[in-house]
């Protein structure tokens, strides 16, 4: 690590470029985490809305929604 520090002191442009690359890499990681989280939240919202629609259809048919399944009375 000391050798790298000495090299950077002798070559400040390389040091600056290394810092810029590090910052850009960090921003890329943050952006990737943000998009992954955004997509995950959107997917969960879609699943919830689909489940709500299934529950509503079950209740409209006279059934009961129990632990993720629709139970309708025997007709």
Protein backbone atom coordinates (compact mmCIF):
# COMPACT_ATOMS: atom_id res chain seq x y z
CA UNK A 1 0.00 0.00 0.00
CA UNK A 2 2.92 2.30 0.74
CA UNK A 3 4.27 1.81 -2.78
CA UNK A 4 0.90 2.81 -4.23
CA UNK A 5 0.80 5.89 -2.02
CA UNK A 6 4.29 6.91 -3.14
CA UNK A 7 3.35 6.36 -6.79
CA UNK A 8 0.26 8.53 -6.36
CA UNK A 9 2.32 11.30 -4.74
CA UNK A 10 4.65 11.31 -7.75
CA UNK A 11 1.77 11.09 -10.26
CA UNK A 12 -1.15 13.22 -9.06
CA UNK A 13 -3.02 12.83 -12.36
CA UNK A 14 -3.09 9.06 -11.91
CA UNK A 15 -4.30 9.58 -8.34
CA UNK A 16 -7.10 11.85 -9.53
CA UNK A 17 -8.08 9.40 -12.27
CA UNK A 18 -8.12 6.54 -9.77
CA UNK A 19 -10.36 8.54 -7.45
CA UNK A 20 -12.74 9.42 -10.30
CA UNK A 21 -12.95 5.77 -11.37
CA UNK A 22 -13.61 4.73 -7.76
CA UNK A 23 -16.36 7.32 -7.37
CA UNK A 24 -17.97 6.29 -10.66
CA UNK A 25 -17.83 2.62 -9.64
CA UNK A 26 -19.50 3.50 -6.33
CA UNK A 27 -22.22 5.46 -8.11
CA UNK A 28 -22.80 2.52 -10.46
CA UNK A 29 -23.23 0.18 -7.48
CA UNK A 30 -25.68 2.59 -5.83
CA UNK A 31 -27.65 2.94 -9.08
CA UNK A 32 -27.79 -0.84 -9.49
CA UNK A 33 -29.05 -1.28 -5.92
CA UNK A 34 -31.67 1.44 -6.45
CA UNK A 35 -33.01 -0.07 -9.69
CA UNK A 36 -33.07 -3.57 -8.17
CA UNK A 37 -35.02 -2.29 -5.16
CA UNK A 38 -37.39 -0.29 -7.38
CA UNK A 39 -38.11 -3.34 -9.55
CA UNK A 40 -38.58 -5.56 -6.50
CA UNK A 41 -41.09 -3.14 -4.96
CA UNK A 42 -42.98 -2.88 -8.26
CA UNK A 43 -43.11 -6.67 -8.56
CA UNK A 44 -44.47 -7.03 -5.03
CA UNK A 45 -47.09 -4.38 -5.72
CA UNK A 46 -48.18 -6.28 -8.84
CA UNK A 47 -48.45 -9.53 -6.89
CA UNK A 48 -50.47 -7.80 -4.18
CA UNK A 49 -52.87 -6.27 -6.69
CA UNK A 50 -53.30 -9.65 -8.41
CA UNK A 51 -53.97 -11.29 -5.04
CA UNK A 52 -56.47 -8.56 -4.16
CA UNK A 53 -58.27 -9.20 -7.45
CA UNK A 54 -58.35 -12.94 -6.74
CA UNK A 55 -59.72 -12.33 -3.23
CA UNK A 56 -62.39 -10.01 -4.59
CA UNK A 57 -63.42 -12.55 -7.25
CA UNK A 58 -63.59 -15.28 -4.59
CA UNK A 59 -65.79 -13.17 -2.31
CA UNK A 60 -68.00 -12.13 -5.23
CA UNK A 61 -68.60 -15.82 -5.99
CA UNK A 62 -69.70 -16.37 -2.39
CA UNK A 63 -66.49 -18.01 -1.24
CA UNK A 64 -64.08 -17.39 1.60
CA UNK A 65 -60.40 -16.58 1.21
CA UNK A 66 -58.37 -18.60 3.73
CA UNK A 67 -54.57 -18.65 3.80
CA UNK A 68 -54.17 -17.92 0.11
CA UNK A 69 -56.92 -20.23 -1.14
CA UNK A 70 -60.53 -19.70 -2.11
CA UNK A 71 -63.09 -21.99 -0.50
CA UNK A 72 -66.58 -21.90 -1.95
CA UNK A 73 -69.55 -23.56 -0.31
CA UNK A 74 -70.96 -26.65 -2.00
CA UNK A 75 -73.92 -25.77 -4.14
